[in-house]
Amino acid sequence: MSEMRMPLGLNILSWVLRATAAVILLQTLFFKFTAAPESVYIFTKVGAEPWGRIGSGVVELIAAVLILTPRFTWLGSILALGVMAGAILSHLTILGIEVQGDKGLLFVLAVIVFVSSAVNLVLHRNAIPLVGRRLA
């Protein structure tokens, strides 16, 4: 369903979900790109420092921009789902829910981005090339 044909309530919901995911994705970039100690710790623990930290930051930046771009919000949601699935899985298997006394904040933020992106993708499923019309 394109934004032009989307009911106003769903369009507002889509923008709230998109803004939520994008703000969370963008605010974490500072920590990744400046090699903040907590980011270095996380990516060292999962065996992906520094390239995993920098690479995931680049993908998160692209995802955030695409999520906010109406024509490509579906693609940004798919990217965000992939990156957040990796983050959630890392928390559940290697890092633990709580990392360095954050009381689970990073885990909760990953879940929020994942859910926001998933719902946004469902709202914009018909915009996905080749398969979108079949999913509508």
N, C-alpha and C. Protein backbone atom coordinates (compact mmCIF):
# COMPACT_ATOMS: atom_id res chain seq x y z
N MET A 1 0.85 -1.17 0.00
CA MET A 1 0.00 0.00 0.00
C MET A 1 0.90 1.24 0.00
N SER A 2 0.78 2.06 -1.02
CA SER A 2 1.62 3.25 -1.07
C SER A 2 1.10 4.26 -0.04
N GLU A 3 1.96 5.21 0.33
CA GLU A 3 1.55 6.19 1.32
C GLU A 3 0.37 7.01 0.84
N MET A 4 0.28 7.21 -0.47
CA MET A 4 -0.82 8.00 -1.01
C MET A 4 -2.16 7.30 -0.76
N ARG A 5 -2.18 5.97 -0.84
CA ARG A 5 -3.42 5.21 -0.68
C ARG A 5 -3.58 4.65 0.72
N MET A 6 -2.61 4.83 1.56
CA MET A 6 -2.66 4.30 2.92
C MET A 6 -3.58 5.19 3.76
N PRO A 7 -4.48 4.57 4.53
CA PRO A 7 -5.32 5.37 5.43
C PRO A 7 -4.47 6.23 6.36
N LEU A 8 -4.99 7.38 6.73
CA LEU A 8 -4.23 8.35 7.53
C LEU A 8 -3.68 7.73 8.81
N GLY A 9 -4.47 6.95 9.50
CA GLY A 9 -4.01 6.34 10.75
C GLY A 9 -2.82 5.42 10.54
N LEU A 10 -2.86 4.62 9.47
CA LEU A 10 -1.75 3.72 9.17
C LEU A 10 -0.52 4.50 8.71
N ASN A 11 -0.75 5.59 7.99
CA ASN A 11 0.36 6.43 7.55
C ASN A 11 1.06 7.06 8.77
N ILE A 12 0.28 7.53 9.72
CA ILE A 12 0.85 8.10 10.94
C ILE A 12 1.62 7.02 11.71
N LEU A 13 1.00 5.83 11.84
CA LEU A 13 1.68 4.72 12.52
C LEU A 13 3.00 4.39 11.83
N SER A 14 2.98 4.35 10.50
CA SER A 14 4.20 4.05 9.75
C SER A 14 5.29 5.07 10.06
N TRP A 15 4.94 6.34 10.06
CA TRP A 15 5.95 7.37 10.33
C TRP A 15 6.46 7.31 11.77
N VAL A 16 5.61 6.98 12.72
CA VAL A 16 6.05 6.83 14.12
C VAL A 16 7.04 5.67 14.22
N LEU A 17 6.70 4.54 13.58
CA LEU A 17 7.58 3.37 13.59
C LEU A 17 8.91 3.68 12.91
N ARG A 18 8.85 4.36 11.77
CA ARG A 18 10.06 4.71 11.02
C ARG A 18 10.95 5.65 11.81
N ALA A 19 10.34 6.67 12.42
CA ALA A 19 11.13 7.63 13.21
C ALA A 19 11.76 6.94 14.41
N THR A 20 11.00 6.08 15.06
CA THR A 20 11.53 5.35 16.22
C THR A 20 12.75 4.53 15.83
N ALA A 21 12.61 3.72 14.79
CA ALA A 21 13.73 2.87 14.36
C ALA A 21 14.92 3.71 13.92
N ALA A 22 14.66 4.74 13.12
CA ALA A 22 15.76 5.56 12.59
C ALA A 22 16.50 6.31 13.69
N VAL A 23 15.77 6.86 14.64
CA VAL A 23 16.43 7.60 15.73
C VAL A 23 17.33 6.67 16.54
N ILE A 24 16.83 5.49 16.86
CA ILE A 24 17.64 4.54 17.63
C ILE A 24 18.87 4.12 16.82
N LEU A 25 18.66 3.79 15.55
CA LEU A 25 19.80 3.38 14.70
C LEU A 25 20.84 4.50 14.60
N LEU A 26 20.38 5.72 14.40
CA LEU A 26 21.31 6.84 14.21
C LEU A 26 22.04 7.22 15.49
N GLN A 27 21.36 7.16 16.63
CA GLN A 27 22.02 7.59 17.87
C GLN A 27 23.10 6.62 18.30
N THR A 28 23.03 5.36 17.89
CA THR A 28 24.08 4.41 18.27
C THR A 28 25.33 4.54 17.40
N LEU A 29 25.20 5.23 16.27
CA LEU A 29 26.35 5.36 15.36
C LEU A 29 27.52 6.09 15.98
N PHE A 30 27.23 7.08 16.79
CA PHE A 30 28.30 7.84 17.44
C PHE A 30 29.22 6.90 18.21
N PHE A 31 28.62 5.97 18.95
CA PHE A 31 29.40 5.05 19.77
C PHE A 31 30.21 4.07 18.91
N LYS A 32 29.61 3.63 17.81
CA LYS A 32 30.32 2.69 16.94
C LYS A 32 31.47 3.38 16.21
N PHE A 33 31.21 4.54 15.65
CA PHE A 33 32.21 5.21 14.81
C PHE A 33 33.31 5.90 15.61
N THR A 34 33.07 6.17 16.89
CA THR A 34 34.13 6.79 17.71
C THR A 34 34.86 5.75 18.56
N ALA A 35 34.56 4.48 18.34
CA ALA A 35 35.18 3.38 19.08
C ALA A 35 35.01 3.55 20.58
N ALA A 36 33.78 3.88 20.97
CA ALA A 36 33.48 4.00 22.40
C ALA A 36 33.78 2.67 23.09
N PRO A 37 34.29 2.71 24.31
CA PRO A 37 34.70 1.48 25.00
C PRO A 37 33.63 0.39 25.02
N GLU A 38 32.35 0.76 25.23
CA GLU A 38 31.31 -0.27 25.28
C GLU A 38 31.11 -0.94 23.92
N SER A 39 31.23 -0.17 22.83
CA SER A 39 31.13 -0.77 21.50
C SER A 39 32.31 -1.68 21.21
N VAL A 40 33.49 -1.23 21.55
CA VAL A 40 34.69 -2.05 21.34
C VAL A 40 34.57 -3.34 22.16
N TYR A 41 34.09 -3.24 23.39
CA TYR A 41 33.91 -4.41 24.23
C TYR A 41 32.95 -5.41 23.58
N ILE A 42 31.81 -4.92 23.12
CA ILE A 42 30.79 -5.80 22.53
C ILE A 42 31.34 -6.51 21.30
N PHE A 43 31.95 -5.77 20.41
CA PHE A 43 32.41 -6.39 19.16
C PHE A 43 33.66 -7.24 19.37
N THR A 44 34.45 -6.94 20.40
CA THR A 44 35.57 -7.82 20.75
C THR A 44 35.03 -9.14 21.28
N LYS A 45 34.03 -9.06 22.12
CA LYS A 45 33.44 -10.27 22.72
C LYS A 45 32.82 -11.18 21.66
N VAL A 46 32.23 -10.60 20.61
CA VAL A 46 31.63 -11.44 19.55
C VAL A 46 32.63 -11.77 18.45
N GLY A 47 33.88 -11.29 18.60
CA GLY A 47 34.93 -11.61 17.65
C GLY A 47 34.85 -10.85 16.34
N ALA A 48 34.34 -9.62 16.41
CA ALA A 48 34.15 -8.85 15.17
C ALA A 48 34.68 -7.42 15.28
N GLU A 49 35.66 -7.20 16.12
CA GLU A 49 36.24 -5.86 16.29
C GLU A 49 37.46 -5.75 15.39
N PRO A 50 37.66 -4.70 14.63
CA PRO A 50 36.84 -3.50 14.48
C PRO A 50 35.85 -3.57 13.30
N TRP A 51 36.07 -4.53 12.40
CA TRP A 51 35.30 -4.50 11.15
C TRP A 51 33.81 -4.73 11.35
N GLY A 52 33.44 -5.56 12.30
CA GLY A 52 32.03 -5.78 12.58
C GLY A 52 31.36 -4.53 13.12
N ARG A 53 32.10 -3.83 13.98
CA ARG A 53 31.58 -2.58 14.55
C ARG A 53 31.38 -1.53 13.47
N ILE A 54 32.39 -1.33 12.66
CA ILE A 54 32.31 -0.32 11.60
C ILE A 54 31.30 -0.75 10.52
N GLY A 55 31.36 -2.01 10.12
CA GLY A 55 30.44 -2.51 9.09
C GLY A 55 28.99 -2.43 9.52
N SER A 56 28.71 -2.84 10.75
CA SER A 56 27.32 -2.77 11.21
C SER A 56 26.87 -1.32 11.32
N GLY A 57 27.79 -0.43 11.70
CA GLY A 57 27.45 1.00 11.74
C GLY A 57 27.09 1.54 10.37
N VAL A 58 27.84 1.15 9.35
CA VAL A 58 27.55 1.59 7.99
C VAL A 58 26.19 1.06 7.54
N VAL A 59 25.94 -0.22 7.80
CA VAL A 59 24.65 -0.81 7.40
C VAL A 59 23.50 -0.15 8.16
N GLU A 60 23.69 0.14 9.44
CA GLU A 60 22.66 0.81 10.22
C GLU A 60 22.40 2.22 9.70
N LEU A 61 23.44 2.93 9.29
CA LEU A 61 23.26 4.26 8.70
C LEU A 61 22.44 4.17 7.42
N ILE A 62 22.78 3.24 6.56
CA ILE A 62 22.04 3.05 5.31
C ILE A 62 20.60 2.67 5.61
N ALA A 63 20.39 1.76 6.55
CA ALA A 63 19.04 1.34 6.92
C ALA A 63 18.21 2.52 7.42
N ALA A 64 18.79 3.36 8.27
CA ALA A 64 18.06 4.50 8.81
C ALA A 64 17.65 5.47 7.70
N VAL A 65 18.56 5.75 6.78
CA VAL A 65 18.24 6.66 5.67
C VAL A 65 17.14 6.06 4.80
N LEU A 66 17.25 4.77 4.50
CA LEU A 66 16.23 4.12 3.66
C LEU A 66 14.88 4.03 4.36
N ILE A 67 14.87 3.77 5.65
CA ILE A 67 13.61 3.71 6.40
C ILE A 67 12.87 5.04 6.30
N LEU A 68 13.61 6.13 6.32
CA LEU A 68 12.99 7.46 6.26
C LEU A 68 12.66 7.90 4.84
N THR A 69 13.08 7.14 3.84
CA THR A 69 12.80 7.46 2.44
C THR A 69 11.56 6.69 2.02
N PRO A 70 10.44 7.39 1.77
CA PRO A 70 9.19 6.69 1.49
C PRO A 70 9.28 5.59 0.43
N ARG A 71 9.97 5.83 -0.66
CA ARG A 71 10.04 4.84 -1.73
C ARG A 71 10.80 3.59 -1.32
N PHE A 72 11.74 3.72 -0.39
CA PHE A 72 12.59 2.59 -0.02
C PHE A 72 12.46 2.19 1.45
N THR A 73 11.38 2.61 2.10
CA THR A 73 11.21 2.27 3.53
C THR A 73 11.17 0.76 3.74
N TRP A 74 10.63 0.03 2.79
CA TRP A 74 10.58 -1.44 2.88
C TRP A 74 12.00 -2.02 2.93
N LEU A 75 12.90 -1.48 2.10
CA LEU A 75 14.27 -1.97 2.04
C LEU A 75 15.02 -1.64 3.33
N GLY A 76 14.84 -0.42 3.82
CA GLY A 76 15.45 -0.04 5.10
C GLY A 76 14.98 -0.92 6.24
N SER A 77 13.69 -1.28 6.20
CA SER A 77 13.14 -2.16 7.23
C SER A 77 13.78 -3.55 7.16
N ILE A 78 13.96 -4.07 5.96
CA ILE A 78 14.60 -5.38 5.81
C ILE A 78 16.04 -5.33 6.33
N LEU A 79 16.79 -4.28 5.98
CA LEU A 79 18.16 -4.15 6.48
C LEU A 79 18.20 -4.06 8.00
N ALA A 80 17.31 -3.24 8.55
CA ALA A 80 17.27 -3.08 10.01
C ALA A 80 16.89 -4.40 10.68
N LEU A 81 15.96 -5.14 10.10
CA LEU A 81 15.59 -6.45 10.65
C LEU A 81 16.80 -7.38 10.69
N GLY A 82 17.57 -7.39 9.63
CA GLY A 82 18.74 -8.25 9.57
C GLY A 82 19.79 -7.89 10.61
N VAL A 83 20.10 -6.62 10.71
CA VAL A 83 21.12 -6.19 11.67
C VAL A 83 20.64 -6.41 13.10
N MET A 84 19.38 -6.10 13.36
CA MET A 84 18.86 -6.28 14.72
C MET A 84 18.70 -7.75 15.08
N ALA A 85 18.40 -8.60 14.10
CA ALA A 85 18.36 -10.04 14.37
C ALA A 85 19.73 -10.51 14.84
N GLY A 86 20.78 -10.01 14.19
CA GLY A 86 22.14 -10.34 14.61
C GLY A 86 22.45 -9.83 16.00
N ALA A 87 22.01 -8.62 16.29
CA ALA A 87 22.25 -8.04 17.62
C ALA A 87 21.51 -8.82 18.69
N ILE A 88 20.24 -9.13 18.43
CA ILE A 88 19.44 -9.87 19.40
C ILE A 88 20.04 -11.26 19.63
N LEU A 89 20.40 -11.92 18.55
CA LEU A 89 21.01 -13.25 18.67
C LEU A 89 22.33 -13.19 19.45
N SER A 90 23.13 -12.16 19.21
CA SER A 90 24.38 -11.99 19.97
C SER A 90 24.11 -11.81 21.45
N HIS A 91 23.08 -11.03 21.78
CA HIS A 91 22.73 -10.84 23.19
C HIS A 91 22.27 -12.15 23.82
N LEU A 92 21.49 -12.93 23.08
CA LEU A 92 20.93 -14.16 23.64
C LEU A 92 21.95 -15.30 23.74
N THR A 93 23.01 -15.24 22.92
CA THR A 93 23.95 -16.36 22.89
C THR A 93 25.33 -16.05 23.47
N ILE A 94 25.82 -14.84 23.31
CA ILE A 94 27.20 -14.52 23.68
C ILE A 94 27.27 -13.44 24.76
N LEU A 95 26.57 -12.34 24.53
CA LEU A 95 26.73 -11.16 25.38
C LEU A 95 25.91 -11.21 26.67
N GLY A 96 24.73 -11.80 26.59
CA GLY A 96 23.78 -11.71 27.69
C GLY A 96 22.89 -10.50 27.47
N ILE A 97 21.77 -10.48 28.16
CA ILE A 97 20.81 -9.37 28.02
C ILE A 97 21.45 -8.08 28.52
N GLU A 98 22.11 -8.16 29.66
CA GLU A 98 22.77 -6.98 30.23
C GLU A 98 24.24 -6.98 29.84
N VAL A 99 24.69 -5.84 29.32
CA VAL A 99 26.08 -5.69 28.89
C VAL A 99 26.71 -4.54 29.67
N GLN A 100 27.74 -4.84 30.41
CA GLN A 100 28.49 -3.84 31.18
C GLN A 100 27.58 -2.95 32.02
N GLY A 101 26.61 -3.55 32.69
CA GLY A 101 25.76 -2.80 33.61
C GLY A 101 24.73 -1.89 32.95
N ASP A 102 24.38 -2.15 31.69
CA ASP A 102 23.41 -1.27 31.01
C ASP A 102 21.96 -1.61 31.34
N LYS A 103 21.75 -2.62 32.21
CA LYS A 103 20.41 -3.06 32.63
C LYS A 103 19.56 -3.52 31.44
N GLY A 104 20.21 -4.00 30.39
CA GLY A 104 19.50 -4.53 29.23
C GLY A 104 19.06 -3.50 28.22
N LEU A 105 19.53 -2.27 28.36
CA LEU A 105 19.08 -1.19 27.48
C LEU A 105 19.39 -1.48 26.00
N LEU A 106 20.61 -1.91 25.70
CA LEU A 106 20.96 -2.18 24.30
C LEU A 106 20.10 -3.29 23.72
N PHE A 107 19.82 -4.32 24.52
CA PHE A 107 18.95 -5.41 24.07
C PHE A 107 17.55 -4.89 23.78
N VAL A 108 17.00 -4.10 24.69
CA VAL A 108 15.65 -3.56 24.52
C VAL A 108 15.59 -2.66 23.29
N LEU A 109 16.61 -1.83 23.08
CA LEU A 109 16.63 -0.97 21.89
C LEU A 109 16.66 -1.80 20.61
N ALA A 110 17.42 -2.89 20.61
CA ALA A 110 17.46 -3.78 19.43
C ALA A 110 16.08 -4.39 19.18
N VAL A 111 15.40 -4.80 20.23
CA VAL A 111 14.06 -5.37 20.08
C VAL A 111 13.08 -4.32 19.56
N ILE A 112 13.17 -3.10 20.07
CA ILE A 112 12.28 -2.02 19.61
C ILE A 112 12.49 -1.76 18.11
N VAL A 113 13.75 -1.67 17.68
CA VAL A 113 14.03 -1.46 16.26
C VAL A 113 13.52 -2.63 15.44
N PHE A 114 13.73 -3.85 15.93
CA PHE A 114 13.28 -5.04 15.21
C PHE A 114 11.77 -5.03 15.03
N VAL A 115 11.03 -4.80 16.10
CA VAL A 115 9.57 -4.81 16.03
C VAL A 115 9.06 -3.65 15.18
N SER A 116 9.62 -2.46 15.37
CA SER A 116 9.20 -1.30 14.56
C SER A 116 9.43 -1.55 13.08
N SER A 117 10.57 -2.12 12.75
CA SER A 117 10.90 -2.40 11.35
C SER A 117 10.00 -3.50 10.78
N ALA A 118 9.70 -4.50 11.59
CA ALA A 118 8.84 -5.60 11.13
C ALA A 118 7.44 -5.09 10.83
N VAL A 119 6.88 -4.30 11.72
CA VAL A 119 5.53 -3.77 11.49
C VAL A 119 5.54 -2.82 10.30
N ASN A 120 6.56 -1.99 10.19
CA ASN A 120 6.65 -1.08 9.05
C ASN A 120 6.75 -1.86 7.74
N LEU A 121 7.50 -2.94 7.75
CA LEU A 121 7.63 -3.77 6.55
C LEU A 121 6.27 -4.37 6.16
N VAL A 122 5.52 -4.81 7.14
CA VAL A 122 4.18 -5.34 6.85
C VAL A 122 3.30 -4.25 6.25
N LEU A 123 3.37 -3.04 6.80
CA LEU A 123 2.56 -1.94 6.28
C LEU A 123 2.92 -1.59 4.84
N HIS A 124 4.19 -1.79 4.47
CA HIS A 124 4.68 -1.39 3.13
C HIS A 124 5.04 -2.61 2.28
N ARG A 125 4.49 -3.76 2.60
CA ARG A 125 4.84 -5.00 1.89
C ARG A 125 4.52 -4.96 0.41
N ASN A 126 3.49 -4.22 0.01
CA ASN A 126 3.14 -4.19 -1.42
C ASN A 126 4.13 -3.37 -2.24
N ALA A 127 5.02 -2.63 -1.60
CA ALA A 127 6.02 -1.84 -2.32
C ALA A 127 7.26 -2.66 -2.67
N ILE A 128 7.35 -3.88 -2.14
CA ILE A 128 8.52 -4.72 -2.41
C ILE A 128 8.46 -5.19 -3.86
N PRO A 129 9.50 -4.90 -4.64
CA PRO A 129 9.48 -5.31 -6.05
C PRO A 129 9.32 -6.82 -6.22
N LEU A 130 8.66 -7.20 -7.24
CA LEU A 130 8.43 -8.59 -7.66
C LEU A 130 7.43 -9.35 -6.79
N VAL A 131 7.49 -9.21 -5.47
CA VAL A 131 6.61 -9.99 -4.62
C VAL A 131 5.55 -9.16 -3.91
N GLY A 132 5.69 -7.87 -3.91
CA GLY A 132 4.82 -6.99 -3.14
C GLY A 132 3.35 -7.15 -3.43
N ARG A 133 2.98 -7.22 -4.68
CA ARG A 133 1.55 -7.33 -5.02
C ARG A 133 0.96 -8.65 -4.54
N ARG A 134 1.77 -9.68 -4.50
CA ARG A 134 1.30 -10.99 -4.02
C ARG A 134 1.09 -10.99 -2.51
N LEU A 135 1.80 -10.09 -1.81
CA LEU A 135 1.71 -10.04 -0.36
C LEU A 135 0.61 -9.10 0.13
N ALA A 136 0.09 -8.28 -0.76
CA ALA A 136 -0.89 -7.25 -0.36
C ALA A 136 -2.21 -7.84 0.09
